[in-house]
Structures are given as C-alpha cells and as structure tokens.
Amino acid sequence: MQDNKRLVSGIPRLDHILGGGFLRNGLFIVMGPPGSGKTILSNQLALEAIGQTNDTCVYVTVNA
C-alpha cells in the first residue's frame, strides 16, 4: 500500500531506498557529473508523479 504522503518514482529499488518514494510537495536537487543520467531520471520522476496525481510538475535545470 502506498503512503499518501509519498509518490513512487517508478523505480522499485529507489523507492525502497527512499522508504516508499519521494515526499509529496517536496523539493529535490539531483546532482552529478555530465552524462550520469540526471535529466533522464528527472523526466522519469516528473512523468511518474503526473501520472499518479493527475496534477502538474515543475522541472527546472540550471548550469552552474
């Protein structure tokens, strides 16, 4: 059973590590070197969240 305060990522092992998924209405920073899969992961998480909630999602990218 899914905790209403969490959104599953669609990646079972990641959800297990996170204790059931990401906290709803949370803000998360995904960091790593170029080519490590940050954009693919972020898009996967956004699409999964939209599918579960039928709501909107904001994706922001920054080059530092």
PDB file of N, CA and C in Angstrom:
ATOM      1  N   MET A   1       0.844  -1.189   0.000  1.00  0.00           N
ATOM      2  CA  MET A   1       0.000   0.000   0.000  1.00  0.00           C
ATOM      3  C   MET A   1       0.882   1.243   0.000  1.00  0.00           C
ATOM      4  N   GLN A   2       0.553   2.202  -0.838  1.00  0.00           N
ATOM      5  CA  GLN A   2       1.344   3.421  -0.963  1.00  0.00           C
ATOM      6  C   GLN A   2       0.937   4.441   0.096  1.00  0.00           C
ATOM      7  N   ASP A   3       1.939   5.033   0.721  1.00  0.00           N
ATOM      8  CA  ASP A   3       1.714   6.104   1.693  1.00  0.00           C
ATOM      9  C   ASP A   3       1.234   7.334   0.933  1.00  0.00           C
ATOM     10  N   ASN A   4       0.142   7.956   1.370  1.00  0.00           N
ATOM     11  CA  ASN A   4      -0.400   9.128   0.674  1.00  0.00           C
ATOM     12  C   ASN A   4       0.537  10.319   0.711  1.00  0.00           C
ATOM     13  N   LYS A   5       1.540  10.298   1.589  1.00  0.00           N
ATOM     14  CA  LYS A   5       2.472  11.410   1.679  1.00  0.00           C
ATOM     15  C   LYS A   5       3.674  11.201   0.778  1.00  0.00           C
ATOM     16  N   ARG A   6       3.698  10.097   0.023  1.00  0.00           N
ATOM     17  CA  ARG A   6       4.831   9.778  -0.833  1.00  0.00           C
ATOM     18  C   ARG A   6       4.362   9.461  -2.251  1.00  0.00           C
ATOM     19  N   LEU A   7       5.229   9.752  -3.199  1.00  0.00           N
ATOM     20  CA  LEU A   7       4.994   9.402  -4.594  1.00  0.00           C
ATOM     21  C   LEU A   7       6.054   8.402  -5.012  1.00  0.00           C
ATOM     22  N   VAL A   8       5.619   7.274  -5.553  1.00  0.00           N
ATOM     23  CA  VAL A   8       6.593   6.300  -6.019  1.00  0.00           C
ATOM     24  C   VAL A   8       7.269   6.836  -7.276  1.00  0.00           C
ATOM     25  N   SER A   9       8.527   6.498  -7.448  1.00  0.00           N
ATOM     26  CA  SER A   9       9.300   7.001  -8.578  1.00  0.00           C
ATOM     27  C   SER A   9       9.105   6.170  -9.831  1.00  0.00           C
ATOM     28  N   GLY A  10       8.581   4.954  -9.680  1.00  0.00           N
ATOM     29  CA  GLY A  10       8.505   4.042 -10.806  1.00  0.00           C
ATOM     30  C   GLY A  10       9.777   3.211 -10.929  1.00  0.00           C
ATOM     31  N   ILE A  11      10.707   3.414 -10.003  1.00  0.00           N
ATOM     32  CA  ILE A  11      11.962   2.670  -9.946  1.00  0.00           C
ATOM     33  C   ILE A  11      11.959   1.935  -8.606  1.00  0.00           C
ATOM     34  N   PRO A  12      11.593   0.645  -8.622  1.00  0.00           N
ATOM     35  CA  PRO A  12      11.374  -0.079  -7.361  1.00  0.00           C
ATOM     36  C   PRO A  12      12.513  -0.005  -6.351  1.00  0.00           C
ATOM     37  N   ARG A  13      13.747  -0.172  -6.785  1.00  0.00           N
ATOM     38  CA  ARG A  13      14.875  -0.143  -5.834  1.00  0.00           C
ATOM     39  C   ARG A  13      15.034   1.246  -5.220  1.00  0.00           C
ATOM     40  N   LEU A  14      14.852   2.291  -6.017  1.00  0.00           N
ATOM     41  CA  LEU A  14      14.943   3.655  -5.499  1.00  0.00           C
ATOM     42  C   LEU A  14      13.838   3.910  -4.482  1.00  0.00           C
ATOM     43  N   ASP A  15      12.629   3.472  -4.790  1.00  0.00           N
ATOM     44  CA  ASP A  15      11.520   3.636  -3.845  1.00  0.00           C
ATOM     45  C   ASP A  15      11.799   2.918  -2.528  1.00  0.00           C
ATOM     46  N   HIS A  16      12.405   1.751  -2.605  1.00  0.00           N
ATOM     47  CA  HIS A  16      12.768   1.010  -1.389  1.00  0.00           C
ATOM     48  C   HIS A  16      13.779   1.807  -0.556  1.00  0.00           C
ATOM     49  N   ILE A  17      14.792   2.337  -1.218  1.00  0.00           N
ATOM     50  CA  ILE A  17      15.815   3.133  -0.526  1.00  0.00           C
ATOM     51  C   ILE A  17      15.194   4.367   0.127  1.00  0.00           C
ATOM     52  N   LEU A  18      14.220   4.970  -0.562  1.00  0.00           N
ATOM     53  CA  LEU A  18      13.581   6.194  -0.069  1.00  0.00           C
ATOM     54  C   LEU A  18      12.453   5.923   0.926  1.00  0.00           C
ATOM     55  N   GLY A  19      12.231   4.684   1.278  1.00  0.00           N
ATOM     56  CA  GLY A  19      11.189   4.370   2.248  1.00  0.00           C
ATOM     57  C   GLY A  19       9.791   4.481   1.691  1.00  0.00           C
ATOM     58  N   GLY A  20       9.626   4.221   0.408  1.00  0.00           N
ATOM     59  CA  GLY A  20       8.296   4.241  -0.201  1.00  0.00           C
ATOM     60  C   GLY A  20       8.144   5.266  -1.304  1.00  0.00           C
ATOM     61  N   GLY A  21       9.135   6.065  -1.552  1.00  0.00           N
ATOM     62  CA  GLY A  21       9.067   7.078  -2.615  1.00  0.00           C
ATOM     63  C   GLY A  21       9.443   8.454  -2.105  1.00  0.00           C
ATOM     64  N   PHE A  22       9.251   9.425  -2.965  1.00  0.00           N
ATOM     65  CA  PHE A  22       9.565  10.814  -2.631  1.00  0.00           C
ATOM     66  C   PHE A  22       8.421  11.442  -1.846  1.00  0.00           C
ATOM     67  N   LEU A  23       8.739  12.320  -0.928  1.00  0.00           N
ATOM     68  CA  LEU A  23       7.706  13.036  -0.182  1.00  0.00           C
ATOM     69  C   LEU A  23       6.909  13.925  -1.127  1.00  0.00           C
ATOM     70  N   ARG A  24       5.599  13.910  -0.953  1.00  0.00           N
ATOM     71  CA  ARG A  24       4.737  14.781  -1.778  1.00  0.00           C
ATOM     72  C   ARG A  24       5.096  16.239  -1.503  1.00  0.00           C
ATOM     73  N   ASN A  25       4.967  17.065  -2.522  1.00  0.00           N
ATOM     74  CA  ASN A  25       5.219  18.500  -2.433  1.00  0.00           C
ATOM     75  C   ASN A  25       6.638  18.815  -1.969  1.00  0.00           C
ATOM     76  N   GLY A  26       7.554  17.904  -2.213  1.00  0.00           N
ATOM     77  CA  GLY A  26       8.941  18.116  -1.821  1.00  0.00           C
ATOM     78  C   GLY A  26       9.724  18.824  -2.909  1.00  0.00           C
ATOM     79  N   LEU A  27      10.872  19.326  -2.530  1.00  0.00           N
ATOM     80  CA  LEU A  27      11.813  19.956  -3.452  1.00  0.00           C
ATOM     81  C   LEU A  27      13.084  19.123  -3.394  1.00  0.00           C
ATOM     82  N   PHE A  28      13.551  18.689  -4.560  1.00  0.00           N
ATOM     83  CA  PHE A  28      14.691  17.785  -4.611  1.00  0.00           C
ATOM     84  C   PHE A  28      15.741  18.319  -5.563  1.00  0.00           C
ATOM     85  N   ILE A  29      16.990  18.158  -5.205  1.00  0.00           N
ATOM     86  CA  ILE A  29      18.109  18.548  -6.060  1.00  0.00           C
ATOM     87  C   ILE A  29      18.793  17.272  -6.534  1.00  0.00           C
ATOM     88  N   VAL A  30      18.931  17.143  -7.842  1.00  0.00           N
ATOM     89  CA  VAL A  30      19.614  15.994  -8.429  1.00  0.00           C
ATOM     90  C   VAL A  30      20.934  16.513  -8.969  1.00  0.00           C
ATOM     91  N   MET A  31      22.033  16.002  -8.440  1.00  0.00           N
ATOM     92  CA  MET A  31      23.363  16.484  -8.828  1.00  0.00           C
ATOM     93  C   MET A  31      24.208  15.321  -9.333  1.00  0.00           C
ATOM     94  N   GLY A  32      25.146  15.636 -10.205  1.00  0.00           N
ATOM     95  CA  GLY A  32      26.071  14.626 -10.697  1.00  0.00           C
ATOM     96  C   GLY A  32      26.827  15.147 -11.896  1.00  0.00           C
ATOM     97  N   PRO A  33      27.828  14.405 -12.330  1.00  0.00           N
ATOM     98  CA  PRO A  33      28.623  14.835 -13.477  1.00  0.00           C
ATOM     99  C   PRO A  33      27.834  14.715 -14.784  1.00  0.00           C
ATOM    100  N   PRO A  34      28.291  15.389 -15.827  1.00  0.00           N
ATOM    101  CA  PRO A  34      27.628  15.279 -17.128  1.00  0.00           C
ATOM    102  C   PRO A  34      27.549  13.817 -17.579  1.00  0.00           C
ATOM    103  N   GLY A  35      26.402  13.454 -18.128  1.00  0.00           N
ATOM    104  CA  GLY A  35      26.233  12.107 -18.648  1.00  0.00           C
ATOM    105  C   GLY A  35      25.849  11.060 -17.626  1.00  0.00           C
ATOM    106  N   SER A  36      25.587  11.465 -16.378  1.00  0.00           N
ATOM    107  CA  SER A  36      25.278  10.486 -15.330  1.00  0.00           C
ATOM    108  C   SER A  36      23.799  10.095 -15.293  1.00  0.00           C
ATOM    109  N   GLY A  37      22.950  10.738 -16.082  1.00  0.00           N
ATOM    110  CA  GLY A  37      21.542  10.363 -16.147  1.00  0.00           C
ATOM    111  C   GLY A  37      20.595  11.251 -15.373  1.00  0.00           C
ATOM    112  N   LYS A  38      21.054  12.443 -14.992  1.00  0.00           N
ATOM    113  CA  LYS A  38      20.214  13.355 -14.196  1.00  0.00           C
ATOM    114  C   LYS A  38      18.942  13.759 -14.941  1.00  0.00           C
ATOM    115  N   THR A  39      19.068  14.106 -16.207  1.00  0.00           N
ATOM    116  CA  THR A  39      17.914  14.557 -16.983  1.00  0.00           C
ATOM    117  C   THR A  39      16.925  13.423 -17.189  1.00  0.00           C
ATOM    118  N   ILE A  40      17.410  12.242 -17.526  1.00  0.00           N
ATOM    119  CA  ILE A  40      16.526  11.087 -17.723  1.00  0.00           C
ATOM    120  C   ILE A  40      15.804  10.754 -16.424  1.00  0.00           C
ATOM    121  N   LEU A  41      16.529  10.735 -15.310  1.00  0.00           N
ATOM    122  CA  LEU A  41      15.914  10.453 -14.012  1.00  0.00           C
ATOM    123  C   LEU A  41      14.859  11.502 -13.676  1.00  0.00           C
ATOM    124  N   SER A  42      15.195  12.759 -13.858  1.00  0.00           N
ATOM    125  CA  SER A  42      14.263  13.845 -13.525  1.00  0.00           C
ATOM    126  C   SER A  42      13.001  13.780 -14.373  1.00  0.00           C
ATOM    127  N   ASN A  43      13.150  13.503 -15.660  1.00  0.00           N
ATOM    128  CA  ASN A  43      11.977  13.370 -16.530  1.00  0.00           C
ATOM    129  C   ASN A  43      11.124  12.173 -16.121  1.00  0.00           C
ATOM    130  N   GLN A  44      11.757  11.063 -15.790  1.00  0.00           N
ATOM    131  CA  GLN A  44      11.037   9.875 -15.332  1.00  0.00           C
ATOM    132  C   GLN A  44      10.241  10.191 -14.071  1.00  0.00           C
ATOM    133  N   LEU A  45      10.868  10.868 -13.120  1.00  0.00           N
ATOM    134  CA  LEU A  45      10.187  11.201 -11.866  1.00  0.00           C
ATOM    135  C   LEU A  45       9.015  12.145 -12.101  1.00  0.00           C
ATOM    136  N   ALA A  46       9.209  13.142 -12.960  1.00  0.00           N
ATOM    137  CA  ALA A  46       8.138  14.097 -13.251  1.00  0.00           C
ATOM    138  C   ALA A  46       6.950  13.403 -13.921  1.00  0.00           C
ATOM    139  N   LEU A  47       7.221  12.575 -14.912  1.00  0.00           N
ATOM    140  CA  LEU A  47       6.143  11.870 -15.604  1.00  0.00           C
ATOM    141  C   LEU A  47       5.412  10.909 -14.679  1.00  0.00           C
ATOM    142  N   GLU A  48       6.146  10.234 -13.826  1.00  0.00           N
ATOM    143  CA  GLU A  48       5.528   9.301 -12.876  1.00  0.00           C
ATOM    144  C   GLU A  48       4.645  10.060 -11.882  1.00  0.00           C
ATOM    145  N   ALA A  49       5.119  11.196 -11.393  1.00  0.00           N
ATOM    146  CA  ALA A  49       4.335  11.996 -10.449  1.00  0.00           C
ATOM    147  C   ALA A  49       3.057  12.520 -11.094  1.00  0.00           C
ATOM    148  N   ILE A  50       3.151  12.993 -12.327  1.00  0.00           N
ATOM    149  CA  ILE A  50       1.969  13.489 -13.034  1.00  0.00           C
ATOM    150  C   ILE A  50       0.967  12.366 -13.244  1.00  0.00           C
ATOM    151  N   GLY A  51       1.463  11.176 -13.583  1.00  0.00           N
ATOM    152  CA  GLY A  51       0.573  10.032 -13.786  1.00  0.00           C
ATOM    153  C   GLY A  51      -0.146   9.604 -12.528  1.00  0.00           C
ATOM    154  N   GLN A  52       0.498   9.740 -11.392  1.00  0.00           N
ATOM    155  CA  GLN A  52      -0.108   9.322 -10.125  1.00  0.00           C
ATOM    156  C   GLN A  52      -1.106  10.343  -9.596  1.00  0.00           C
ATOM    157  N   THR A  53      -0.836  11.608  -9.827  1.00  0.00           N
ATOM    158  CA  THR A  53      -1.644  12.650  -9.201  1.00  0.00           C
ATOM    159  C   THR A  53      -2.562  13.385 -10.161  1.00  0.00           C
ATOM    160  N   ASN A  54      -2.327  13.228 -11.470  1.00  0.00           N
ATOM    161  CA  ASN A  54      -3.073  13.986 -12.475  1.00  0.00           C
ATOM    162  C   ASN A  54      -2.958  15.481 -12.206  1.00  0.00           C
ATOM    163  N   ASP A  55      -1.801  15.888 -11.745  1.00  0.00           N
ATOM    164  CA  ASP A  55      -1.527  17.272 -11.371  1.00  0.00           C
ATOM    165  C   ASP A  55      -0.402  17.793 -12.262  1.00  0.00           C
ATOM    166  N   THR A  56       0.198  18.888 -11.902  1.00  0.00           N
ATOM    167  CA  THR A  56       1.295  19.455 -12.670  1.00  0.00           C
ATOM    168  C   THR A  56       2.616  19.231 -11.943  1.00  0.00           C
ATOM    169  N   CYS A  57       3.697  19.425 -12.680  1.00  0.00           N
ATOM    170  CA  CYS A  57       5.029  19.257 -12.116  1.00  0.00           C
ATOM    171  C   CYS A  57       5.938  20.311 -12.743  1.00  0.00           C
ATOM    172  N   VAL A  58       6.831  20.863 -11.949  1.00  0.00           N
ATOM    173  CA  VAL A  58       7.778  21.856 -12.444  1.00  0.00           C
ATOM    174  C   VAL A  58       9.163  21.226 -12.477  1.00  0.00           C
ATOM    175  N   TYR A  59       9.809  21.351 -13.625  1.00  0.00           N
ATOM    176  CA  TYR A  59      11.164  20.830 -13.811  1.00  0.00           C
ATOM    177  C   TYR A  59      12.055  22.021 -14.153  1.00  0.00           C
ATOM    178  N   VAL A  60      13.078  22.236 -13.352  1.00  0.00           N
ATOM    179  CA  VAL A  60      13.988  23.372 -13.556  1.00  0.00           C
ATOM    180  C   VAL A  60      15.398  22.833 -13.715  1.00  0.00           C
ATOM    181  N   THR A  61      16.113  23.330 -14.699  1.00  0.00           N
ATOM    182  CA  THR A  61      17.505  22.928 -14.888  1.00  0.00           C
ATOM    183  C   THR A  61      18.397  24.164 -14.824  1.00  0.00           C
ATOM    184  N   VAL A  62      19.555  24.019 -14.210  1.00  0.00           N
ATOM    185  CA  VAL A  62      20.482  25.135 -14.033  1.00  0.00           C
ATOM    186  C   VAL A  62      21.872  24.662 -14.375  1.00  0.00           C
ATOM    187  N   ASN A  63      22.591  25.428 -15.146  1.00  0.00           N
ATOM    188  CA  ASN A  63      24.007  25.166 -15.413  1.00  0.00           C
ATOM    189  C   ASN A  63      24.827  26.103 -14.555  1.00  0.00           C
ATOM    190  N   ALA A  64      25.675  25.528 -13.734  1.00  0.00           N
ATOM    191  CA  ALA A  64      26.489  26.377 -12.841  1.00  0.00           C
ATOM    192  C   ALA A  64      27.925  26.359 -13.286  1.00  0.00           C
TER     193      ALA A  64
END
